Amino acid sequence: MEIIKKAVDMQAWSDSVRQSGRTICLVPTMGYFHEGHLSLIDRGKEKGGEVVVSLFVNPAQFGENEDLDAYPSNIERDLALARERGATAVFLPAVDEIYPPGYQTYVTLSHLPHHLCGLSRPVHFKGVATVVTKLFNIVKPHAAVFGAKDFQQVCIIRRMCTDLNYNIEIMAAPIVREEDGLAMSSRNAYLQPSQRPAALSLSRSLALAEKMVAEGETTCHAVKKEMEGVIQGFPEAVIDYISLCDPNTLEEVVSTDQPVLAALAVKVGTTRLIDNRLIDPAGQG
């Protein structure tokens, strides 16, 4: 497995791969790997060709008073796991390699970021769209894999690729969960053992929403009210948002008579967690 730190070297490597007729699948990450990240590598390998994992904690997607400085990191372990899982190369740039002195160019979308996580993290998706655009230009992939836990991110990247004419297949890999149902996240490392039950309220509230729809509930307000009750049963859990929305536009809906995305963000202590579930009333029961 090659470790590449300079953008110009990564571009040259990718050019060589493309000229040989092989394909490239990019797995963008911020490191501190768990099984969810590794499943993205597996998904990339299913495409055939070469799998490039980018490992970069992107400062542009963190707002003030967020956890950039405390974000967990173990690069040597990440490299060992990527090698073990079969990645062909890792792109491991320094911050000034991505954002050189005087940097002033950003990518923004006009609608999709103004829902869900974007409401409380107003700079986040500008940073995501910008770094992914740069990674696409540097790695030159034919396909890229993102985790479905960040559903809004996947929507934004797909829209960006359409709008900017990127000929890149965007794949969303299923959420990987721990044995108790908690969606895997690097931020789970922040949780204290005593906070685990509160953290599990996210997946349990989503399961309740799915059950209510399966049993015939069609009013989103009623579903959200029950979800709130599950989470508010834990004093240390503070709801950022609970949304039942259109999975394409991310706009709130009032009825579950069509497929909806149930998505939520909850702060457990100092740890912000997200989770989601697609609910299709036609597929229930």
C-alpha atoms as a PDB file:
ATOM      1  CA  MET A   1       0.000   0.000   0.000  1.00  0.00           C
ATOM      2  CA  GLU A   2       1.377   3.393  -1.007  1.00  0.00           C
ATOM      3  CA  ILE A   3       1.239   6.408   1.296  1.00  0.00           C
ATOM      4  CA  ILE A   4       1.080   9.666  -0.666  1.00  0.00           C
ATOM      5  CA  LYS A   5       1.294  13.062   1.018  1.00  0.00           C
ATOM      6  CA  LYS A   6       1.580  15.593  -1.801  1.00  0.00           C
ATOM      7  CA  ALA A   7      -1.314  16.546  -4.097  1.00  0.00           C
ATOM      8  CA  VAL A   8       0.946  16.628  -7.151  1.00  0.00           C
ATOM      9  CA  ASP A   9       2.186  13.100  -6.397  1.00  0.00           C
ATOM     10  CA  MET A  10      -1.367  11.865  -5.882  1.00  0.00           C
ATOM     11  CA  GLN A  11      -2.425  13.352  -9.218  1.00  0.00           C
ATOM     12  CA  ALA A  12       0.528  11.743 -10.974  1.00  0.00           C
ATOM     13  CA  TRP A  13      -0.267   8.373  -9.392  1.00  0.00           C
ATOM     14  CA  SER A  14      -3.905   8.636 -10.461  1.00  0.00           C
ATOM     15  CA  ASP A  15      -2.966   9.678 -13.984  1.00  0.00           C
ATOM     16  CA  SER A  16      -0.771   6.582 -14.264  1.00  0.00           C
ATOM     17  CA  VAL A  17      -3.569   4.311 -13.037  1.00  0.00           C
ATOM     18  CA  ARG A  18      -6.057   5.828 -15.454  1.00  0.00           C
ATOM     19  CA  GLN A  19      -3.646   5.592 -18.377  1.00  0.00           C
ATOM     20  CA  SER A  20      -3.203   1.899 -17.662  1.00  0.00           C
ATOM     21  CA  GLY A  21      -6.957   1.397 -18.011  1.00  0.00           C
ATOM     22  CA  ARG A  22      -7.603   0.695 -14.338  1.00  0.00           C
ATOM     23  CA  THR A  23     -10.286   2.426 -12.287  1.00  0.00           C
ATOM     24  CA  ILE A  24     -10.021   4.313  -9.004  1.00  0.00           C
ATOM     25  CA  CYS A  25     -12.506   4.332  -6.140  1.00  0.00           C
ATOM     26  CA  LEU A  26     -12.035   6.996  -3.466  1.00  0.00           C
ATOM     27  CA  VAL A  27     -12.967   6.501   0.187  1.00  0.00           C
ATOM     28  CA  PRO A  28     -12.817   9.956   1.861  1.00  0.00           C
ATOM     29  CA  THR A  29     -12.328   9.810   5.648  1.00  0.00           C
ATOM     30  CA  MET A  30     -11.192  11.871   8.616  1.00  0.00           C
ATOM     31  CA  GLY A  31      -9.516   8.860  10.182  1.00  0.00           C
ATOM     32  CA  TYR A  32      -9.801   7.128  13.563  1.00  0.00           C
ATOM     33  CA  PHE A  33     -11.163   4.101  11.775  1.00  0.00           C
ATOM     34  CA  HIS A  34     -13.948   1.866  12.995  1.00  0.00           C
ATOM     35  CA  GLU A  35     -15.744  -0.932  11.186  1.00  0.00           C
ATOM     36  CA  GLY A  36     -17.955   1.595   9.413  1.00  0.00           C
ATOM     37  CA  HIS A  37     -14.940   3.165   7.702  1.00  0.00           C
ATOM     38  CA  LEU A  38     -13.526  -0.247   6.850  1.00  0.00           C
ATOM     39  CA  SER A  39     -16.831  -1.307   5.300  1.00  0.00           C
ATOM     40  CA  LEU A  40     -16.423   1.629   2.888  1.00  0.00           C
ATOM     41  CA  ILE A  41     -13.092   0.170   1.770  1.00  0.00           C
ATOM     42  CA  ASP A  42     -14.811  -3.193   1.273  1.00  0.00           C
ATOM     43  CA  ARG A  43     -17.499  -1.503  -0.818  1.00  0.00           C
ATOM     44  CA  GLY A  44     -14.838   0.213  -2.890  1.00  0.00           C
ATOM     45  CA  LYS A  45     -13.057  -3.066  -3.521  1.00  0.00           C
ATOM     46  CA  GLU A  46     -16.288  -4.542  -4.853  1.00  0.00           C
ATOM     47  CA  LYS A  47     -16.011  -2.091  -7.736  1.00  0.00           C
ATOM     48  CA  GLY A  48     -12.701  -3.626  -8.769  1.00  0.00           C
ATOM     49  CA  GLY A  49      -9.738  -1.468  -9.629  1.00  0.00           C
ATOM     50  CA  GLU A  50      -7.734   0.532  -7.096  1.00  0.00           C
ATOM     51  CA  VAL A  51      -9.048   1.844  -3.764  1.00  0.00           C
ATOM     52  CA  VAL A  52      -7.617   5.126  -2.490  1.00  0.00           C
ATOM     53  CA  VAL A  53      -8.410   6.133   1.085  1.00  0.00           C
ATOM     54  CA  SER A  54      -7.986   9.809   1.922  1.00  0.00           C
ATOM     55  CA  LEU A  55      -7.160  10.521   5.549  1.00  0.00           C
ATOM     56  CA  PHE A  56      -7.614  14.201   6.372  1.00  0.00           C
ATOM     57  CA  VAL A  57      -9.282  15.971   9.283  1.00  0.00           C
ATOM     58  CA  ASN A  58     -10.825  18.868   7.400  1.00  0.00           C
ATOM     59  CA  PRO A  59     -10.723  22.094   9.442  1.00  0.00           C
ATOM     60  CA  ALA A  60     -13.075  23.870   7.029  1.00  0.00           C
ATOM     61  CA  GLN A  61     -16.050  21.769   8.136  1.00  0.00           C
ATOM     62  CA  PHE A  62     -15.706  22.592  11.837  1.00  0.00           C
ATOM     63  CA  GLY A  63     -17.358  25.697  13.238  1.00  0.00           C
ATOM     64  CA  GLU A  64     -16.364  27.700  16.285  1.00  0.00           C
ATOM     65  CA  ASN A  65     -16.514  25.766  19.560  1.00  0.00           C
ATOM     66  CA  GLU A  66     -16.689  22.427  17.740  1.00  0.00           C
ATOM     67  CA  ASP A  67     -14.318  19.545  18.382  1.00  0.00           C
ATOM     68  CA  LEU A  68     -11.585  20.070  15.765  1.00  0.00           C
ATOM     69  CA  ASP A  69      -8.734  20.196  18.294  1.00  0.00           C
ATOM     70  CA  ALA A  70     -10.072  17.207  20.226  1.00  0.00           C
ATOM     71  CA  TYR A  71     -11.059  15.086  17.205  1.00  0.00           C
ATOM     72  CA  PRO A  72      -9.670  11.576  17.830  1.00  0.00           C
ATOM     73  CA  SER A  73      -6.651  10.506  15.806  1.00  0.00           C
ATOM     74  CA  ASN A  74      -4.453   7.422  15.490  1.00  0.00           C
ATOM     75  CA  ILE A  75      -2.804   7.604  12.085  1.00  0.00           C
ATOM     76  CA  GLU A  76      -0.517   4.600  12.471  1.00  0.00           C
ATOM     77  CA  ARG A  77      -3.438   2.398  13.440  1.00  0.00           C
ATOM     78  CA  ASP A  78      -5.500   3.772  10.544  1.00  0.00           C
ATOM     79  CA  LEU A  79      -2.730   3.015   8.067  1.00  0.00           C
ATOM     80  CA  ALA A  80      -2.375  -0.526   9.399  1.00  0.00           C
ATOM     81  CA  LEU A  81      -6.120  -1.131   9.137  1.00  0.00           C
ATOM     82  CA  ALA A  82      -6.314   0.318   5.616  1.00  0.00           C
ATOM     83  CA  ARG A  83      -3.433  -1.922   4.536  1.00  0.00           C
ATOM     84  CA  GLU A  84      -5.024  -4.956   6.181  1.00  0.00           C
ATOM     85  CA  ARG A  85      -8.345  -4.256   4.469  1.00  0.00           C
ATOM     86  CA  GLY A  86      -6.731  -4.043   1.051  1.00  0.00           C
ATOM     87  CA  ALA A  87      -6.509  -0.361   0.167  1.00  0.00           C
ATOM     88  CA  THR A  88      -4.129   0.323  -2.710  1.00  0.00           C
ATOM     89  CA  ALA A  89      -3.056   3.756  -1.492  1.00  0.00           C
ATOM     90  CA  VAL A  90      -3.675   6.297   1.234  1.00  0.00           C
ATOM     91  CA  PHE A  91      -3.668  10.010   0.508  1.00  0.00           C
ATOM     92  CA  LEU A  92      -2.418  11.643   3.717  1.00  0.00           C
ATOM     93  CA  PRO A  93      -2.030  15.392   3.131  1.00  0.00           C
ATOM     94  CA  ALA A  94      -1.080  18.085   5.616  1.00  0.00           C
ATOM     95  CA  VAL A  95      -3.520  20.945   6.127  1.00  0.00           C
ATOM     96  CA  ASP A  96      -1.451  23.398   4.061  1.00  0.00           C
ATOM     97  CA  GLU A  97      -1.382  20.910   1.211  1.00  0.00           C
ATOM     98  CA  ILE A  98      -5.166  21.223   0.925  1.00  0.00           C
ATOM     99  CA  TYR A  99      -5.492  24.835   2.051  1.00  0.00           C
ATOM    100  CA  PRO A 100      -2.260  26.641   1.089  1.00  0.00           C
ATOM    101  CA  PRO A 101      -1.521  30.145   2.418  1.00  0.00           C
ATOM    102  CA  GLY A 102      -3.959  32.681   1.001  1.00  0.00           C
ATOM    103  CA  TYR A 103      -6.617  30.053   0.255  1.00  0.00           C
ATOM    104  CA  GLN A 104      -9.970  31.687  -0.591  1.00  0.00           C
ATOM    105  CA  THR A 105     -12.042  29.384  -2.824  1.00  0.00           C
ATOM    106  CA  TYR A 106     -15.051  27.504  -1.430  1.00  0.00           C
ATOM    107  CA  VAL A 107     -17.916  25.449  -2.849  1.00  0.00           C
ATOM    108  CA  THR A 108     -21.440  26.124  -1.588  1.00  0.00           C
ATOM    109  CA  LEU A 109     -24.898  24.763  -2.374  1.00  0.00           C
ATOM    110  CA  SER A 110     -27.967  26.959  -2.125  1.00  0.00           C
ATOM    111  CA  HIS A 111     -30.626  24.655  -0.643  1.00  0.00           C
ATOM    112  CA  LEU A 112     -29.635  21.193   0.639  1.00  0.00           C
ATOM    113  CA  PRO A 113     -27.290  22.470   3.383  1.00  0.00           C
ATOM    114  CA  HIS A 114     -30.111  24.510   4.948  1.00  0.00           C
ATOM    115  CA  HIS A 115     -31.797  21.501   6.522  1.00  0.00           C
ATOM    116  CA  LEU A 116     -30.988  18.951   9.258  1.00  0.00           C
ATOM    117  CA  CYS A 117     -27.391  19.320  10.466  1.00  0.00           C
ATOM    118  CA  GLY A 118     -26.831  22.449   8.411  1.00  0.00           C
ATOM    119  CA  LEU A 119     -29.197  24.453  10.623  1.00  0.00           C
ATOM    120  CA  SER A 120     -26.982  24.159  13.704  1.00  0.00           C
ATOM    121  CA  ARG A 121     -23.679  23.762  11.806  1.00  0.00           C
ATOM    122  CA  PRO A 122     -23.883  26.570   9.232  1.00  0.00           C
ATOM    123  CA  VAL A 123     -20.293  26.305   7.921  1.00  0.00           C
ATOM    124  CA  HIS A 124     -20.108  22.518   7.917  1.00  0.00           C
ATOM    125  CA  PHE A 125     -21.310  21.648   4.448  1.00  0.00           C
ATOM    126  CA  LYS A 126     -19.395  24.450   2.763  1.00  0.00           C
ATOM    127  CA  GLY A 127     -16.295  22.781   4.203  1.00  0.00           C
ATOM    128  CA  VAL A 128     -17.459  19.319   3.149  1.00  0.00           C
ATOM    129  CA  ALA A 129     -18.308  20.355  -0.423  1.00  0.00           C
ATOM    130  CA  THR A 130     -15.006  22.207  -0.759  1.00  0.00           C
ATOM    131  CA  VAL A 131     -12.754  19.426   0.492  1.00  0.00           C
ATOM    132  CA  VAL A 132     -14.582  16.758  -1.517  1.00  0.00           C
ATOM    133  CA  THR A 133     -14.262  18.888  -4.651  1.00  0.00           C
ATOM    134  CA  LYS A 134     -10.531  19.168  -4.018  1.00  0.00           C
ATOM    135  CA  LEU A 135     -10.203  15.441  -3.345  1.00  0.00           C
ATOM    136  CA  PHE A 136     -12.024  14.682  -6.597  1.00  0.00           C
ATOM    137  CA  ASN A 137      -9.609  16.954  -8.488  1.00  0.00           C
ATOM    138  CA  ILE A 138      -6.559  15.449  -6.781  1.00  0.00           C
ATOM    139  CA  VAL A 139      -7.447  11.734  -6.706  1.00  0.00           C
ATOM    140  CA  LYS A 140      -9.437  11.738  -9.973  1.00  0.00           C
ATOM    141  CA  PRO A 141     -11.664   8.807  -9.018  1.00  0.00           C
ATOM    142  CA  HIS A 142     -14.212   7.012 -11.155  1.00  0.00           C
ATOM    143  CA  ALA A 143     -16.306   6.319  -8.042  1.00  0.00           C
ATOM    144  CA  ALA A 144     -16.424   7.390  -4.402  1.00  0.00           C
ATOM    145  CA  VAL A 145     -17.966   5.774  -1.333  1.00  0.00           C
ATOM    146  CA  PHE A 146     -19.620   7.622   1.538  1.00  0.00           C
ATOM    147  CA  GLY A 147     -21.420   6.307   4.615  1.00  0.00           C
ATOM    148  CA  ALA A 148     -25.218   6.516   4.702  1.00  0.00           C
ATOM    149  CA  LYS A 149     -25.099   7.636   8.353  1.00  0.00           C
ATOM    150  CA  ASP A 150     -24.257  11.074   6.942  1.00  0.00           C
ATOM    151  CA  PHE A 151     -27.318  11.002   4.675  1.00  0.00           C
ATOM    152  CA  GLN A 152     -27.359  14.757   4.115  1.00  0.00           C
ATOM    153  CA  GLN A 153     -23.704  14.677   3.087  1.00  0.00           C
ATOM    154  CA  VAL A 154     -24.443  12.016   0.470  1.00  0.00           C
ATOM    155  CA  CYS A 155     -27.308  14.117  -0.925  1.00  0.00           C
ATOM    156  CA  ILE A 156     -25.071  17.165  -1.107  1.00  0.00           C
ATOM    157  CA  ILE A 157     -22.198  15.356  -2.826  1.00  0.00           C
ATOM    158  CA  ARG A 158     -24.547  13.805  -5.383  1.00  0.00           C
ATOM    159  CA  ARG A 159     -26.122  17.185  -6.136  1.00  0.00           C
ATOM    160  CA  MET A 160     -22.685  18.772  -6.403  1.00  0.00           C
ATOM    161  CA  CYS A 161     -21.524  16.109  -8.860  1.00  0.00           C
ATOM    162  CA  THR A 162     -24.599  16.688 -11.012  1.00  0.00           C
ATOM    163  CA  ASP A 163     -24.283  20.466 -10.901  1.00  0.00           C
ATOM    164  CA  LEU A 164     -20.529  20.536 -11.579  1.00  0.00           C
ATOM    165  CA  ASN A 165     -20.600  17.747 -14.203  1.00  0.00           C
ATOM    166  CA  TYR A 166     -18.378  15.345 -12.310  1.00  0.00           C
ATOM    167  CA  ASN A 167     -18.477  11.967 -14.018  1.00  0.00           C
ATOM    168  CA  ILE A 168     -18.094  10.136 -10.700  1.00  0.00           C
ATOM    169  CA  GLU A 169     -20.358   7.416  -9.314  1.00  0.00           C
ATOM    170  CA  ILE A 170     -21.343   8.249  -5.723  1.00  0.00           C
ATOM    171  CA  MET A 171     -22.089   5.167  -3.638  1.00  0.00           C
ATOM    172  CA  ALA A 172     -23.730   5.192  -0.204  1.00  0.00           C
ATOM    173  CA  ALA A 173     -22.703   2.297   2.040  1.00  0.00           C
ATOM    174  CA  PRO A 174     -25.198   1.127   4.697  1.00  0.00           C
ATOM    175  CA  ILE A 175     -24.898   2.292   8.301  1.00  0.00           C
ATOM    176  CA  VAL A 176     -22.769  -0.074  10.381  1.00  0.00           C
ATOM    177  CA  ARG A 177     -23.960  -0.475  13.960  1.00  0.00           C
ATOM    178  CA  GLU A 178     -22.419  -1.739  17.139  1.00  0.00           C
ATOM    179  CA  GLU A 179     -23.978  -4.820  18.724  1.00  0.00           C
ATOM    180  CA  ASP A 180     -26.377  -2.756  20.817  1.00  0.00           C
ATOM    181  CA  GLY A 181     -27.596  -0.770  17.800  1.00  0.00           C
ATOM    182  CA  LEU A 182     -25.557   2.432  18.190  1.00  0.00           C
ATOM    183  CA  ALA A 183     -24.469   3.756  14.790  1.00  0.00           C
ATOM    184  CA  MET A 184     -20.690   3.550  14.556  1.00  0.00           C
ATOM    185  CA  SER A 185     -18.925   6.916  14.749  1.00  0.00           C
ATOM    186  CA  SER A 186     -15.462   8.132  15.654  1.00  0.00           C
ATOM    187  CA  ARG A 187     -17.185  10.383  18.190  1.00  0.00           C
ATOM    188  CA  ASN A 188     -18.501   7.351  20.091  1.00  0.00           C
ATOM    189  CA  ALA A 189     -15.057   7.301  21.707  1.00  0.00           C
ATOM    190  CA  TYR A 190     -16.103  10.409  23.655  1.00  0.00           C
ATOM    191  CA  LEU A 191     -19.013   8.638  25.364  1.00  0.00           C
ATOM    192  CA  GLN A 192     -18.747   7.584  28.996  1.00  0.00           C
ATOM    193  CA  PRO A 193     -20.154   4.118  29.838  1.00  0.00           C
ATOM    194  CA  SER A 194     -22.917   5.767  31.862  1.00  0.00           C
ATOM    195  CA  GLN A 195     -23.988   7.702  28.755  1.00  0.00           C
ATOM    196  CA  ARG A 196     -24.516   4.618  26.624  1.00  0.00           C
ATOM    197  CA  PRO A 197     -28.250   4.207  27.364  1.00  0.00           C
ATOM    198  CA  ALA A 198     -28.860   7.827  26.366  1.00  0.00           C
ATOM    199  CA  ALA A 199     -26.861   7.327  23.154  1.00  0.00           C
ATOM    200  CA  LEU A 200     -28.978   4.292  22.307  1.00  0.00           C
ATOM    201  CA  SER A 201     -32.104   6.437  22.432  1.00  0.00           C
ATOM    202  CA  LEU A 202     -31.344   7.559  18.864  1.00  0.00           C
ATOM    203  CA  SER A 203     -31.573   4.116  17.261  1.00  0.00           C
ATOM    204  CA  ARG A 204     -34.473   3.131  19.527  1.00  0.00           C
ATOM    205  CA  SER A 205     -36.479   6.214  18.589  1.00  0.00           C
ATOM    206  CA  LEU A 206     -35.901   5.430  14.901  1.00  0.00           C
ATOM    207  CA  ALA A 207     -37.066   1.856  15.436  1.00  0.00           C
ATOM    208  CA  LEU A 208     -40.174   3.214  17.156  1.00  0.00           C
ATOM    209  CA  ALA A 209     -40.861   5.548  14.222  1.00  0.00           C
ATOM    210  CA  GLU A 210     -40.612   2.655  11.791  1.00  0.00           C
ATOM    211  CA  LYS A 211     -42.925   0.555  13.969  1.00  0.00           C
ATOM    212  CA  MET A 212     -45.523   3.332  14.186  1.00  0.00           C
ATOM    213  CA  VAL A 213     -45.583   3.730  10.410  1.00  0.00           C
ATOM    214  CA  ALA A 214     -45.834  -0.037   9.963  1.00  0.00           C
ATOM    215  CA  GLU A 215     -48.856  -0.031  12.272  1.00  0.00           C
ATOM    216  CA  GLY A 216     -50.582   2.651  10.208  1.00  0.00           C
ATOM    217  CA  GLU A 217     -49.592   6.003  11.718  1.00  0.00           C
ATOM    218  CA  THR A 218     -49.406   8.591   8.939  1.00  0.00           C
ATOM    219  CA  THR A 219     -49.026  11.868  10.853  1.00  0.00           C
ATOM    220  CA  CYS A 220     -45.412  12.985  11.131  1.00  0.00           C
ATOM    221  CA  HIS A 221     -46.156  15.184  14.142  1.00  0.00           C
ATOM    222  CA  ALA A 222     -47.377  12.168  16.114  1.00  0.00           C
ATOM    223  CA  VAL A 223     -44.324  10.110  15.153  1.00  0.00           C
ATOM    224  CA  LYS A 224     -41.905  12.892  16.104  1.00  0.00           C
ATOM    225  CA  LYS A 225     -43.675  13.391  19.432  1.00  0.00           C
ATOM    226  CA  GLU A 226     -43.121   9.744  20.356  1.00  0.00           C
ATOM    227  CA  MET A 227     -39.492   9.901  19.225  1.00  0.00           C
ATOM    228  CA  GLU A 228     -38.966  12.957  21.423  1.00  0.00           C
ATOM    229  CA  GLY A 229     -40.415  11.071  24.375  1.00  0.00           C
ATOM    230  CA  VAL A 230     -37.877   8.273  23.999  1.00  0.00           C
ATOM    231  CA  ILE A 231     -34.923  10.660  23.934  1.00  0.00           C
ATOM    232  CA  GLN A 232     -36.177  13.031  26.610  1.00  0.00           C
ATOM    233  CA  GLY A 233     -36.313  10.106  28.999  1.00  0.00           C
ATOM    234  CA  PHE A 234     -32.576  10.675  29.441  1.00  0.00           C
ATOM    235  CA  PRO A 235     -31.670  13.998  31.116  1.00  0.00           C
ATOM    236  CA  GLU A 236     -28.199  14.068  29.536  1.00  0.00           C
ATOM    237  CA  ALA A 237     -29.661  13.792  26.000  1.00  0.00           C
ATOM    238  CA  VAL A 238     -30.395  17.159  24.357  1.00  0.00           C
ATOM    239  CA  ILE A 239     -32.183  17.109  21.001  1.00  0.00           C
ATOM    240  CA  ASP A 240     -30.692  19.224  18.209  1.00  0.00           C
ATOM    241  CA  TYR A 241     -33.359  18.154  15.720  1.00  0.00           C
ATOM    242  CA  ILE A 242     -35.763  15.367  14.847  1.00  0.00           C
ATOM    243  CA  SER A 243     -36.897  15.454  11.245  1.00  0.00           C
ATOM    244  CA  LEU A 244     -39.201  13.455   9.019  1.00  0.00           C
ATOM    245  CA  CYS A 245     -38.359  14.736   5.590  1.00  0.00           C
ATOM    246  CA  ASP A 246     -38.339  14.060   1.875  1.00  0.00           C
ATOM    247  CA  PRO A 247     -35.229  11.924   1.212  1.00  0.00           C
ATOM    248  CA  ASN A 248     -34.458  13.861  -1.977  1.00  0.00           C
ATOM    249  CA  THR A 249     -35.021  17.494  -0.980  1.00  0.00           C
ATOM    250  CA  LEU A 250     -34.635  17.071   2.829  1.00  0.00           C
ATOM    251  CA  GLU A 251     -37.674  19.314   3.282  1.00  0.00           C
ATOM    252  CA  GLU A 252     -40.036  18.480   6.159  1.00  0.00           C
ATOM    253  CA  VAL A 253     -43.153  16.489   5.312  1.00  0.00           C
ATOM    254  CA  VAL A 254     -46.395  16.207   7.269  1.00  0.00           C
ATOM    255  CA  SER A 255     -47.443  12.694   6.284  1.00  0.00           C
ATOM    256  CA  THR A 256     -45.776   9.286   6.053  1.00  0.00           C
ATOM    257  CA  ASP A 257     -47.916   8.189   3.117  1.00  0.00           C
ATOM    258  CA  GLN A 258     -44.754   8.252   0.982  1.00  0.00           C
ATOM    259  CA  PRO A 259     -41.145   7.216   1.761  1.00  0.00           C
ATOM    260  CA  VAL A 260     -39.615   9.515   4.369  1.00  0.00           C
ATOM    261  CA  LEU A 261     -36.232   9.935   5.959  1.00  0.00           C
ATOM    262  CA  ALA A 262     -36.347   9.926   9.744  1.00  0.00           C
ATOM    263  CA  ALA A 263     -33.197  11.735  10.851  1.00  0.00           C
ATOM    264  CA  LEU A 264     -32.018  13.168  14.132  1.00  0.00           C
ATOM    265  CA  ALA A 265     -29.098  14.729  15.947  1.00  0.00           C
ATOM    266  CA  VAL A 266     -28.774  14.513  19.706  1.00  0.00           C
ATOM    267  CA  LYS A 267     -26.103  15.762  22.050  1.00  0.00           C
ATOM    268  CA  VAL A 268     -25.285  13.269  24.797  1.00  0.00           C
ATOM    269  CA  GLY A 269     -23.162  15.143  27.294  1.00  0.00           C
ATOM    270  CA  THR A 270     -20.663  16.903  25.058  1.00  0.00           C
ATOM    271  CA  THR A 271     -20.926  14.352  22.226  1.00  0.00           C
ATOM    272  CA  ARG A 272     -23.071  15.126  19.199  1.00  0.00           C
ATOM    273  CA  LEU A 273     -24.514  11.998  17.584  1.00  0.00           C
ATOM    274  CA  ILE A 274     -26.526  11.568  14.393  1.00  0.00           C
ATOM    275  CA  ASP A 275     -28.560   8.702  12.978  1.00  0.00           C
ATOM    276  CA  ASN A 276     -31.252   8.108  10.365  1.00  0.00           C
ATOM    277  CA  ARG A 277     -33.528   5.555   8.817  1.00  0.00           C
ATOM    278  CA  LEU A 278     -35.406   5.461   5.526  1.00  0.00           C
ATOM    279  CA  ILE A 279     -39.017   4.477   6.136  1.00  0.00           C
ATOM    280  CA  ASP A 280     -41.140   3.292   3.230  1.00  0.00           C
ATOM    281  CA  PRO A 281     -44.785   2.722   4.193  1.00  0.00           C
ATOM    282  CA  ALA A 282     -45.258   0.522   1.140  1.00  0.00           C
ATOM    283  CA  GLY A 283     -42.579  -1.834   2.446  1.00  0.00           C
ATOM    284  CA  GLN A 284     -43.877  -2.092   6.017  1.00  0.00           C
ATOM    285  CA  GLY A 285     -45.578  -5.099   7.501  1.00  0.00           C
END
